[in-house]
Structures are given as structure tokens and as C-alpha cells.
Amino acid sequence: MPVVKFAVVIAVSLLVTACGHVHFTQIAAEPNPPPPPGFQATCTSMALPFNGFISSCTPVVAPAVAEERVVRAKG
């Protein structure tokens, strides 16, 4: 019986410790190295018990950007 009580005490203390911590997410302001021009990614995140997360990002095909052209006409 003491083993069961000890297991319950450990489980409760782990639960209190895990749920007592608040994690504040921070967004990377300037990734190092910077991504190439036109890079886009779609990211998803799923919360897990005990303040855990699973995140994944997949690259997305960026739309083709035409070169900027200036047309001048005499008026």
C-alpha cells in the first residue's frame, strides 16, 4: 500500500508542477539566416498535455512575382 500512495503523490506533484508553469511564446523577429526572397511557409501547432506542443511547417510555393516595369508616355 505505501507504494501506491507514493505513486499517487508523485503523479499529483508532477501534475501540479506541469500545470503551474505558463509558457509565453515568442516570435522570432529576425531569423538567422534570413530566408530567401519569396519564401513562404504554412505552420500548424497542436497543444499536448503538460504544456507541450507539436509544431510543423511546410514550405509553400510562392506566387510568381513579375518584374516591375515602368511605362512612360509623353502626354
N, C-alpha and C. Protein backbone atom coordinates (compact mmCIF):
# COMPACT_ATOMS: atom_id res chain seq x y z
N MET A 1 0.80 -1.20 0.00
CA MET A 1 0.00 0.00 0.00
C MET A 1 0.86 1.28 0.00
N PRO A 2 2.00 1.29 0.69
CA PRO A 2 2.83 2.51 0.66
C PRO A 2 3.32 2.84 -0.76
N VAL A 3 3.51 1.81 -1.58
CA VAL A 3 3.98 2.05 -2.94
C VAL A 3 2.90 2.78 -3.75
N VAL A 4 1.64 2.42 -3.55
CA VAL A 4 0.54 3.06 -4.26
C VAL A 4 0.42 4.52 -3.82
N LYS A 5 0.54 4.78 -2.52
CA LYS A 5 0.47 6.15 -2.02
C LYS A 5 1.63 6.99 -2.58
N PHE A 6 2.81 6.39 -2.63
CA PHE A 6 3.97 7.10 -3.17
C PHE A 6 3.75 7.42 -4.65
N ALA A 7 3.21 6.48 -5.41
CA ALA A 7 2.94 6.71 -6.84
C ALA A 7 1.90 7.82 -7.03
N VAL A 8 0.88 7.85 -6.18
CA VAL A 8 -0.14 8.89 -6.26
C VAL A 8 0.47 10.24 -5.92
N VAL A 9 1.30 10.30 -4.91
CA VAL A 9 1.95 11.56 -4.53
C VAL A 9 2.84 12.07 -5.67
N ILE A 10 3.59 11.19 -6.28
CA ILE A 10 4.45 11.59 -7.41
C ILE A 10 3.60 12.07 -8.58
N ALA A 11 2.52 11.38 -8.90
CA ALA A 11 1.66 11.77 -10.02
C ALA A 11 1.02 13.13 -9.77
N VAL A 12 0.54 13.35 -8.56
CA VAL A 12 -0.09 14.64 -8.24
C VAL A 12 0.94 15.76 -8.27
N SER A 13 2.12 15.52 -7.76
CA SER A 13 3.15 16.57 -7.77
C SER A 13 3.60 16.90 -9.20
N LEU A 14 3.69 15.90 -10.05
CA LEU A 14 4.03 16.17 -11.45
C LEU A 14 2.92 16.96 -12.15
N LEU A 15 1.69 16.64 -11.85
CA LEU A 15 0.57 17.36 -12.45
C LEU A 15 0.55 18.82 -12.01
N VAL A 16 0.76 19.05 -10.72
CA VAL A 16 0.77 20.42 -10.21
C VAL A 16 1.95 21.20 -10.79
N THR A 17 3.10 20.57 -10.88
CA THR A 17 4.29 21.24 -11.42
C THR A 17 4.12 21.56 -12.89
N ALA A 18 3.59 20.63 -13.67
CA ALA A 18 3.44 20.84 -15.10
C ALA A 18 2.40 21.89 -15.41
N CYS A 19 1.32 21.92 -14.68
CA CYS A 19 0.25 22.88 -14.96
C CYS A 19 0.51 24.23 -14.30
N GLY A 20 1.47 24.32 -13.42
CA GLY A 20 1.75 25.58 -12.75
C GLY A 20 2.66 26.50 -13.54
N HIS A 21 3.26 26.00 -14.61
CA HIS A 21 4.18 26.81 -15.41
C HIS A 21 3.44 27.35 -16.62
N VAL A 22 3.52 28.65 -16.85
CA VAL A 22 2.89 29.26 -18.01
C VAL A 22 3.98 29.59 -19.00
N HIS A 23 3.79 29.10 -20.22
CA HIS A 23 4.79 29.32 -21.26
C HIS A 23 4.32 30.44 -22.18
N PHE A 24 5.12 31.49 -22.28
CA PHE A 24 4.80 32.60 -23.17
C PHE A 24 5.59 32.41 -24.46
N THR A 25 4.87 32.34 -25.57
CA THR A 25 5.54 32.14 -26.85
C THR A 25 6.17 33.44 -27.31
N GLN A 26 7.28 33.33 -27.97
CA GLN A 26 7.97 34.49 -28.52
C GLN A 26 8.15 34.26 -30.02
N ILE A 27 7.89 35.28 -30.78
CA ILE A 27 8.01 35.19 -32.22
C ILE A 27 9.40 35.68 -32.60
N ALA A 28 10.07 34.92 -33.45
CA ALA A 28 11.40 35.31 -33.90
C ALA A 28 11.28 36.56 -34.76
N ALA A 29 11.91 37.62 -34.33
CA ALA A 29 11.84 38.88 -35.06
C ALA A 29 12.73 38.85 -36.30
N GLU A 30 13.90 38.30 -36.17
CA GLU A 30 14.84 38.23 -37.28
C GLU A 30 15.48 36.86 -37.30
N PRO A 31 14.95 35.93 -38.10
CA PRO A 31 15.57 34.60 -38.15
C PRO A 31 16.98 34.67 -38.70
N ASN A 32 17.83 33.80 -38.26
CA ASN A 32 19.22 33.80 -38.68
C ASN A 32 19.55 32.45 -39.28
N PRO A 33 19.90 32.30 -40.50
CA PRO A 33 19.98 33.31 -41.57
C PRO A 33 18.59 33.64 -42.10
N PRO A 34 18.45 34.80 -42.74
CA PRO A 34 17.15 35.17 -43.27
C PRO A 34 16.74 34.25 -44.42
N PRO A 35 15.45 34.00 -44.58
CA PRO A 35 15.00 33.14 -45.68
C PRO A 35 15.22 33.82 -47.03
N PRO A 36 15.28 33.04 -48.09
CA PRO A 36 15.46 33.65 -49.41
C PRO A 36 14.22 34.47 -49.80
N PRO A 37 14.37 35.39 -50.76
CA PRO A 37 13.23 36.19 -51.17
C PRO A 37 12.12 35.30 -51.74
N GLY A 38 10.89 35.62 -51.41
CA GLY A 38 9.75 34.86 -51.91
C GLY A 38 9.44 33.60 -51.12
N PHE A 39 10.16 33.33 -50.04
CA PHE A 39 9.92 32.13 -49.24
C PHE A 39 8.64 32.30 -48.44
N GLN A 40 7.80 31.27 -48.47
CA GLN A 40 6.59 31.27 -47.67
C GLN A 40 6.45 29.89 -47.03
N ALA A 41 5.86 29.85 -45.85
CA ALA A 41 5.64 28.58 -45.16
C ALA A 41 4.31 28.63 -44.43
N THR A 42 3.67 27.47 -44.34
CA THR A 42 2.44 27.33 -43.58
C THR A 42 2.74 26.49 -42.36
N CYS A 43 2.48 27.02 -41.17
CA CYS A 43 2.80 26.33 -39.93
C CYS A 43 1.54 25.98 -39.16
N THR A 44 1.58 24.83 -38.50
CA THR A 44 0.48 24.41 -37.64
C THR A 44 1.06 24.01 -36.29
N SER A 45 0.26 24.14 -35.24
CA SER A 45 0.70 23.80 -33.90
C SER A 45 -0.45 23.11 -33.16
N MET A 46 -0.12 22.08 -32.39
CA MET A 46 -1.12 21.34 -31.63
C MET A 46 -0.65 21.24 -30.19
N ALA A 47 -1.53 21.60 -29.26
CA ALA A 47 -1.19 21.55 -27.84
C ALA A 47 -1.29 20.12 -27.33
N LEU A 48 -0.39 19.77 -26.42
CA LEU A 48 -0.38 18.47 -25.79
C LEU A 48 -0.54 18.64 -24.28
N PRO A 49 -0.83 17.58 -23.56
CA PRO A 49 -0.89 17.70 -22.09
C PRO A 49 0.48 18.09 -21.52
N PHE A 50 0.48 18.63 -20.34
CA PHE A 50 1.69 19.04 -19.63
C PHE A 50 2.46 20.13 -20.38
N ASN A 51 1.72 21.05 -21.01
CA ASN A 51 2.30 22.24 -21.61
C ASN A 51 3.27 21.90 -22.73
N GLY A 52 2.97 20.89 -23.51
CA GLY A 52 3.80 20.54 -24.65
C GLY A 52 3.13 20.92 -25.95
N PHE A 53 3.90 21.06 -27.00
CA PHE A 53 3.37 21.42 -28.30
C PHE A 53 4.05 20.60 -29.38
N ILE A 54 3.30 20.32 -30.43
CA ILE A 54 3.86 19.74 -31.65
C ILE A 54 3.64 20.78 -32.74
N SER A 55 4.70 21.21 -33.35
CA SER A 55 4.62 22.20 -34.41
C SER A 55 5.26 21.66 -35.67
N SER A 56 4.70 22.04 -36.80
CA SER A 56 5.30 21.65 -38.07
C SER A 56 5.06 22.75 -39.09
N CYS A 57 6.04 22.94 -39.95
CA CYS A 57 5.94 23.94 -41.00
C CYS A 57 6.26 23.27 -42.34
N THR A 58 5.48 23.62 -43.34
CA THR A 58 5.73 23.10 -44.69
C THR A 58 5.89 24.27 -45.63
N PRO A 59 6.92 24.20 -46.50
CA PRO A 59 7.10 25.28 -47.46
C PRO A 59 5.95 25.31 -48.47
N VAL A 60 5.58 26.49 -48.90
CA VAL A 60 4.50 26.67 -49.86
C VAL A 60 5.09 27.33 -51.09
N VAL A 61 4.60 26.93 -52.23
CA VAL A 61 5.07 27.55 -53.47
C VAL A 61 4.59 28.99 -53.50
N ALA A 62 5.53 29.90 -53.55
CA ALA A 62 5.20 31.32 -53.56
C ALA A 62 4.72 31.71 -54.95
N PRO A 63 3.76 32.60 -55.04
CA PRO A 63 3.31 33.04 -56.37
C PRO A 63 4.43 33.75 -57.11
N ALA A 64 4.45 33.53 -58.40
CA ALA A 64 5.48 34.16 -59.22
C ALA A 64 5.28 35.67 -59.20
N VAL A 65 6.34 36.38 -58.98
CA VAL A 65 6.28 37.83 -58.94
C VAL A 65 6.94 38.35 -60.21
N ALA A 66 6.16 39.05 -61.01
CA ALA A 66 6.70 39.61 -62.25
C ALA A 66 7.61 40.78 -61.92
N GLU A 67 8.57 40.97 -62.78
CA GLU A 67 9.47 42.11 -62.57
C GLU A 67 8.69 43.40 -62.74
N GLU A 68 9.03 44.36 -61.93
CA GLU A 68 8.34 45.64 -62.00
C GLU A 68 8.84 46.41 -63.22
N ARG A 69 7.90 46.91 -64.01
CA ARG A 69 8.26 47.67 -65.20
C ARG A 69 7.61 49.05 -65.12
N VAL A 70 8.33 50.01 -65.61
CA VAL A 70 7.82 51.38 -65.62
C VAL A 70 7.55 51.76 -67.07
N VAL A 71 6.34 52.19 -67.35
CA VAL A 71 5.99 52.61 -68.70
C VAL A 71 5.82 54.12 -68.67
N ARG A 72 6.58 54.78 -69.52
CA ARG A 72 6.49 56.24 -69.58
C ARG A 72 5.93 56.64 -70.95
N ALA A 73 5.02 57.56 -70.91
CA ALA A 73 4.41 58.04 -72.17
C ALA A 73 4.38 59.56 -72.14
N LYS A 74 4.60 60.13 -73.31
CA LYS A 74 4.53 61.59 -73.41
C LYS A 74 3.07 61.98 -73.56
N GLY A 75 2.68 62.97 -72.85
CA GLY A 75 1.27 63.29 -72.80
C GLY A 75 0.87 64.42 -73.60
